[in-house]
C-alpha atoms as a PDB file:
ATOM      1  CA  MET A   1       5.076  16.124   5.661  1.00  0.00           C
ATOM      2  CA  GLN A   2       4.156  16.596   2.033  1.00  0.00           C
ATOM      3  CA  THR A   3       0.836  18.218   1.145  1.00  0.00           C
ATOM      4  CA  LEU A   4      -0.809  17.339  -2.159  1.00  0.00           C
ATOM      5  CA  ALA A   5      -3.867  18.778  -3.826  1.00  0.00           C
ATOM      6  CA  LEU A   6      -5.726  15.805  -5.244  1.00  0.00           C
ATOM      7  CA  ALA A   7      -9.014  16.256  -7.088  1.00  0.00           C
ATOM      8  CA  LYS A   8      -9.639  19.660  -5.500  1.00  0.00           C
ATOM      9  CA  GLN A   9      -9.170  18.200  -2.025  1.00  0.00           C
ATOM     10  CA  SER A  10      -6.140  18.743   0.150  1.00  0.00           C
ATOM     11  CA  TYR A  11      -4.345  15.623   1.345  1.00  0.00           C
ATOM     12  CA  THR A  12      -1.191  15.281   3.399  1.00  0.00           C
ATOM     13  CA  ILE A  13       1.298  12.449   2.948  1.00  0.00           C
ATOM     14  CA  ILE A  14       3.146  11.416   6.093  1.00  0.00           C
ATOM     15  CA  VAL A  15       5.980   8.896   6.359  1.00  0.00           C
ATOM     16  CA  SER A  16       7.057   6.733   9.309  1.00  0.00           C
ATOM     17  CA  ASP A  17       4.409   7.993  11.679  1.00  0.00           C
ATOM     18  CA  ASP A  18       3.322   5.852  14.642  1.00  0.00           C
ATOM     19  CA  ALA A  19      -0.300   6.962  14.316  1.00  0.00           C
ATOM     20  CA  VAL A  20      -0.386   5.700  10.712  1.00  0.00           C
ATOM     21  CA  SER A  21       1.332   2.445  11.685  1.00  0.00           C
ATOM     22  CA  GLN A  22      -1.225   1.853  14.447  1.00  0.00           C
ATOM     23  CA  TRP A  23      -4.132   2.742  12.149  1.00  0.00           C
ATOM     24  CA  VAL A  24      -2.963   0.251   9.500  1.00  0.00           C
ATOM     25  CA  ALA A  25      -2.022  -2.431  12.031  1.00  0.00           C
ATOM     26  CA  GLU A  26      -5.494  -2.337  13.608  1.00  0.00           C
ATOM     27  CA  ARG A  27      -7.090  -2.867  10.208  1.00  0.00           C
ATOM     28  CA  ALA A  28      -4.619  -5.114   8.384  1.00  0.00           C
ATOM     29  CA  CYS A  29      -2.108  -6.704  10.776  1.00  0.00           C
ATOM     30  CA  ASP A  30      -4.106  -7.919  13.786  1.00  0.00           C
ATOM     31  CA  GLY A  31      -2.768  -4.874  15.631  1.00  0.00           C
ATOM     32  CA  HIS A  32       0.895  -5.915  15.362  1.00  0.00           C
ATOM     33  CA  TYR A  33       3.793  -4.069  13.785  1.00  0.00           C
ATOM     34  CA  ASP A  34       7.416  -3.326  14.639  1.00  0.00           C
ATOM     35  CA  SER A  35       8.227   0.352  14.219  1.00  0.00           C
ATOM     36  CA  LYS A  36      11.969  -0.425  14.215  1.00  0.00           C
ATOM     37  CA  THR A  37      11.803  -2.658  11.140  1.00  0.00           C
ATOM     38  CA  SER A  38       8.968  -1.084   9.183  1.00  0.00           C
ATOM     39  CA  VAL A  39       8.149   2.073   7.283  1.00  0.00           C
ATOM     40  CA  SER A  40       4.669   3.532   7.210  1.00  0.00           C
ATOM     41  CA  ILE A  41       3.156   5.891   4.680  1.00  0.00           C
ATOM     42  CA  GLY A  42      -0.166   7.546   5.350  1.00  0.00           C
ATOM     43  CA  LEU A  43      -2.640   9.766   3.590  1.00  0.00           C
ATOM     44  CA  LEU A  44      -4.509  12.331   5.658  1.00  0.00           C
ATOM     45  CA  ARG A  45      -7.507  14.371   4.640  1.00  0.00           C
ATOM     46  CA  GLY A  46      -7.523  17.203   7.087  1.00  0.00           C
ATOM     47  CA  GLU A  47      -6.521  15.593  10.375  1.00  0.00           C
ATOM     48  CA  ARG A  48      -8.061  12.197   9.546  1.00  0.00           C
ATOM     49  CA  ILE A  49      -6.126   9.191   8.226  1.00  0.00           C
ATOM     50  CA  VAL A  50      -7.921   7.853   5.134  1.00  0.00           C
ATOM     51  CA  ALA A  51      -5.279   5.443   3.832  1.00  0.00           C
ATOM     52  CA  GLY A  52      -2.081   3.913   5.091  1.00  0.00           C
ATOM     53  CA  ALA A  53       0.522   1.277   4.429  1.00  0.00           C
ATOM     54  CA  ILE A  54       3.193  -0.524   6.378  1.00  0.00           C
ATOM     55  CA  PHE A  55       6.205  -1.885   4.517  1.00  0.00           C
ATOM     56  CA  ASN A  56       8.307  -4.529   6.270  1.00  0.00           C
ATOM     57  CA  ASN A  57      10.307  -7.738   5.785  1.00  0.00           C
ATOM     58  CA  TYR A  58      12.572  -6.183   3.155  1.00  0.00           C
ATOM     59  CA  ASN A  59      15.261  -8.625   1.977  1.00  0.00           C
ATOM     60  CA  HIS A  60      16.848  -6.782  -1.002  1.00  0.00           C
ATOM     61  CA  GLN A  61      14.596  -8.728  -3.392  1.00  0.00           C
ATOM     62  CA  SER A  62      11.083  -8.239  -2.035  1.00  0.00           C
ATOM     63  CA  ILE A  63       9.178  -6.158   0.480  1.00  0.00           C
ATOM     64  CA  GLN A  64       5.920  -6.906   2.246  1.00  0.00           C
ATOM     65  CA  LEU A  65       2.995  -4.475   2.091  1.00  0.00           C
ATOM     66  CA  HIS A  66       0.125  -4.228   4.577  1.00  0.00           C
ATOM     67  CA  MET A  67      -2.406  -1.664   3.446  1.00  0.00           C
ATOM     68  CA  ALA A  68      -5.658  -0.159   4.682  1.00  0.00           C
ATOM     69  CA  ILE A  69      -7.686   2.224   2.549  1.00  0.00           C
ATOM     70  CA  GLU A  70     -11.041   3.782   3.306  1.00  0.00           C
ATOM     71  CA  ARG A  71     -11.395   5.056  -0.236  1.00  0.00           C
ATOM     72  CA  MET A  72      -9.385   4.083  -3.309  1.00  0.00           C
ATOM     73  CA  ASN A  73      -6.856   6.738  -4.244  1.00  0.00           C
ATOM     74  CA  ARG A  74      -4.667   5.979  -7.264  1.00  0.00           C
ATOM     75  CA  ALA A  75      -2.193   8.743  -6.468  1.00  0.00           C
ATOM     76  CA  PHE A  76      -1.614   7.138  -3.067  1.00  0.00           C
ATOM     77  CA  LEU A  77      -1.111   3.734  -4.711  1.00  0.00           C
ATOM     78  CA  ALA A  78       1.385   5.343  -7.090  1.00  0.00           C
ATOM     79  CA  MET A  79       3.268   6.739  -4.091  1.00  0.00           C
ATOM     80  CA  LEU A  80       3.412   3.251  -2.538  1.00  0.00           C
ATOM     81  CA  ALA A  81       4.806   1.850  -5.780  1.00  0.00           C
ATOM     82  CA  TRP A  82       7.379   4.631  -5.910  1.00  0.00           C
ATOM     83  CA  TYR A  83       8.492   3.823  -2.359  1.00  0.00           C
ATOM     84  CA  ALA A  84       8.694   0.054  -2.896  1.00  0.00           C
ATOM     85  CA  PHE A  85      10.375   0.068  -6.281  1.00  0.00           C
ATOM     86  CA  ASP A  86      12.360   3.323  -6.417  1.00  0.00           C
ATOM     87  CA  CYS A  87      13.280   3.990  -2.774  1.00  0.00           C
ATOM     88  CA  ALA A  88      13.568   0.465  -1.336  1.00  0.00           C
ATOM     89  CA  LYS A  89      14.702  -0.924  -4.716  1.00  0.00           C
ATOM     90  CA  ALA A  90      12.564  -4.043  -4.253  1.00  0.00           C
ATOM     91  CA  HIS A  91      11.856  -6.212  -7.283  1.00  0.00           C
ATOM     92  CA  LYS A  92       8.602  -7.602  -5.884  1.00  0.00           C
ATOM     93  CA  VAL A  93       5.931  -6.371  -3.482  1.00  0.00           C
ATOM     94  CA  ILE A  94       4.102  -9.067  -1.504  1.00  0.00           C
ATOM     95  CA  ALA A  95       0.709  -8.292   0.036  1.00  0.00           C
ATOM     96  CA  PRO A  96      -0.691 -10.987   2.359  1.00  0.00           C
ATOM     97  CA  VAL A  97      -4.502 -10.970   2.713  1.00  0.00           C
ATOM     98  CA  SER A  98      -6.886 -13.299   4.484  1.00  0.00           C
ATOM     99  CA  ALA A  99      -9.189 -15.105   2.064  1.00  0.00           C
ATOM    100  CA  SER A 100     -12.081 -13.880   4.214  1.00  0.00           C
ATOM    101  CA  ASN A 101     -11.156 -10.260   3.375  1.00  0.00           C
ATOM    102  CA  VAL A 102     -12.762 -10.107  -0.060  1.00  0.00           C
ATOM    103  CA  ARG A 103     -12.767  -6.286  -0.198  1.00  0.00           C
ATOM    104  CA  SER A 104      -8.970  -6.078   0.237  1.00  0.00           C
ATOM    105  CA  SER A 105      -8.454  -8.756  -2.390  1.00  0.00           C
ATOM    106  CA  ARG A 106     -10.535  -6.729  -4.843  1.00  0.00           C
ATOM    107  CA  VAL A 107      -8.581  -3.538  -4.089  1.00  0.00           C
ATOM    108  CA  LEU A 108      -5.268  -5.323  -4.714  1.00  0.00           C
ATOM    109  CA  GLU A 109      -6.519  -6.960  -7.922  1.00  0.00           C
ATOM    110  CA  HIS A 110      -7.874  -3.625  -9.140  1.00  0.00           C
ATOM    111  CA  ALA A 111      -4.467  -2.059  -8.411  1.00  0.00           C
ATOM    112  CA  GLY A 112      -2.712  -4.669 -10.557  1.00  0.00           C
ATOM    113  CA  PHE A 113      -1.591  -7.250  -8.003  1.00  0.00           C
ATOM    114  CA  GLU A 114      -1.849 -10.921  -8.940  1.00  0.00           C
ATOM    115  CA  LEU A 115      -2.677 -13.835  -6.672  1.00  0.00           C
ATOM    116  CA  GLU A 116       0.561 -15.832  -6.577  1.00  0.00           C
ATOM    117  CA  ALA A 117       0.058 -18.279  -3.717  1.00  0.00           C
ATOM    118  CA  VAL A 118      -2.529 -19.594  -1.298  1.00  0.00           C
ATOM    119  CA  LEU A 119      -1.482 -20.922   2.099  1.00  0.00           C
ATOM    120  CA  ALA A 120      -4.226 -23.157   3.483  1.00  0.00           C
ATOM    121  CA  ASN A 121      -5.545 -22.377   6.970  1.00  0.00           C
ATOM    122  CA  ALA A 122      -2.708 -19.906   7.641  1.00  0.00           C
ATOM    123  CA  CYS A 123      -4.727 -17.063   9.172  1.00  0.00           C
ATOM    124  CA  ARG A 124      -5.727 -16.663  12.798  1.00  0.00           C
ATOM    125  CA  ASP A 125      -9.387 -17.315  11.875  1.00  0.00           C
ATOM    126  CA  THR A 126      -8.246 -20.521  10.033  1.00  0.00           C
ATOM    127  CA  SER A 127      -9.032 -19.007   6.637  1.00  0.00           C
ATOM    128  CA  ASP A 128      -6.515 -19.317   3.824  1.00  0.00           C
ATOM    129  CA  LEU A 129      -3.827 -16.685   3.400  1.00  0.00           C
ATOM    130  CA  HIS A 130      -3.624 -15.221  -0.104  1.00  0.00           C
ATOM    131  CA  LEU A 131      -0.279 -13.814  -1.206  1.00  0.00           C
ATOM    132  CA  TYR A 132      -0.750 -11.120  -3.823  1.00  0.00           C
ATOM    133  CA  THR A 133       2.323  -9.870  -5.649  1.00  0.00           C
ATOM    134  CA  MET A 134       3.380  -7.155  -8.041  1.00  0.00           C
ATOM    135  CA  THR A 135       6.740  -6.845  -9.761  1.00  0.00           C
ATOM    136  CA  ARG A 136       8.365  -3.669 -10.949  1.00  0.00           C
ATOM    137  CA  MET A 137       8.018  -4.756 -14.580  1.00  0.00           C
ATOM    138  CA  TYR A 138       4.235  -5.097 -14.330  1.00  0.00           C
ATOM    139  CA  CYS A 139       3.545  -2.147 -12.037  1.00  0.00           C
ATOM    140  CA  PRO A 140       1.077   0.158 -13.810  1.00  0.00           C
ATOM    141  CA  PHE A 141       1.914   3.042 -11.494  1.00  0.00           C
ATOM    142  CA  LEU A 142       5.492   3.367 -12.772  1.00  0.00           C
ATOM    143  CA  ASP A 143       4.539   3.646 -16.441  1.00  0.00           C
ATOM    144  CA  PRO A 144       5.461   7.155 -17.682  1.00  0.00           C
ATOM    145  CA  SER A 145       2.107   7.550 -19.443  1.00  0.00           C
ATOM    146  CA  TYR A 146       0.268   6.762 -16.200  1.00  0.00           C
ATOM    147  CA  ILE A 147       2.357   9.274 -14.272  1.00  0.00           C
ATOM    148  CA  SER A 148       1.732  11.984 -16.890  1.00  0.00           C
ATOM    149  CA  ARG A 149      -2.044  11.258 -16.741  1.00  0.00           C
ATOM    150  CA  LEU A 150      -1.916  11.606 -12.946  1.00  0.00           C
ATOM    151  CA  GLU A 151      -0.027  14.880 -13.229  1.00  0.00           C
ATOM    152  CA  SER A 152      -2.469  16.285 -15.775  1.00  0.00           C
ATOM    153  CA  TYR A 153      -5.502  15.217 -13.721  1.00  0.00           C
ATOM    154  CA  TYR A 154      -4.255  16.271 -10.281  1.00  0.00           C
ATOM    155  CA  GLY A 155      -1.833  19.006 -11.299  1.00  0.00           C
ATOM    156  CA  ARG A 156       1.902  18.904 -10.838  1.00  0.00           C
ATOM    157  CA  ARG A 157       3.314  20.201  -7.534  1.00  0.00           C
END
């Protein structure tokens, strides 16, 4: 576990934890995930999970992201970008979101994802499935000036 001090609050980053995977799956994946083929990253404040992500379906070109966030945290989003682009070496991150989940769409758009495709009636509730994507080249979280701003705001650890 890695502990970070973010904005005068102590957060803990955890990786590949079943509790995080379950927490995200309940909120973003209809409760389904495969712990053998996925990696989870979570953000805890105290003992409580406040954000999490499941990465799966990696194919050496792209990786799929399922994310649940109670409160936007740019440092957490930067960590997800670091994992996808620097650790997994993906060229594209794909985030599927139901069209009925307007809040998640806004979070992804605010984070720099772009709507790339719409699959009609593809969700369990018959709503459209929106595929949001981000490529390494257009990822704002990997820009050195962004990283230095994060470090100066949160402090380097």
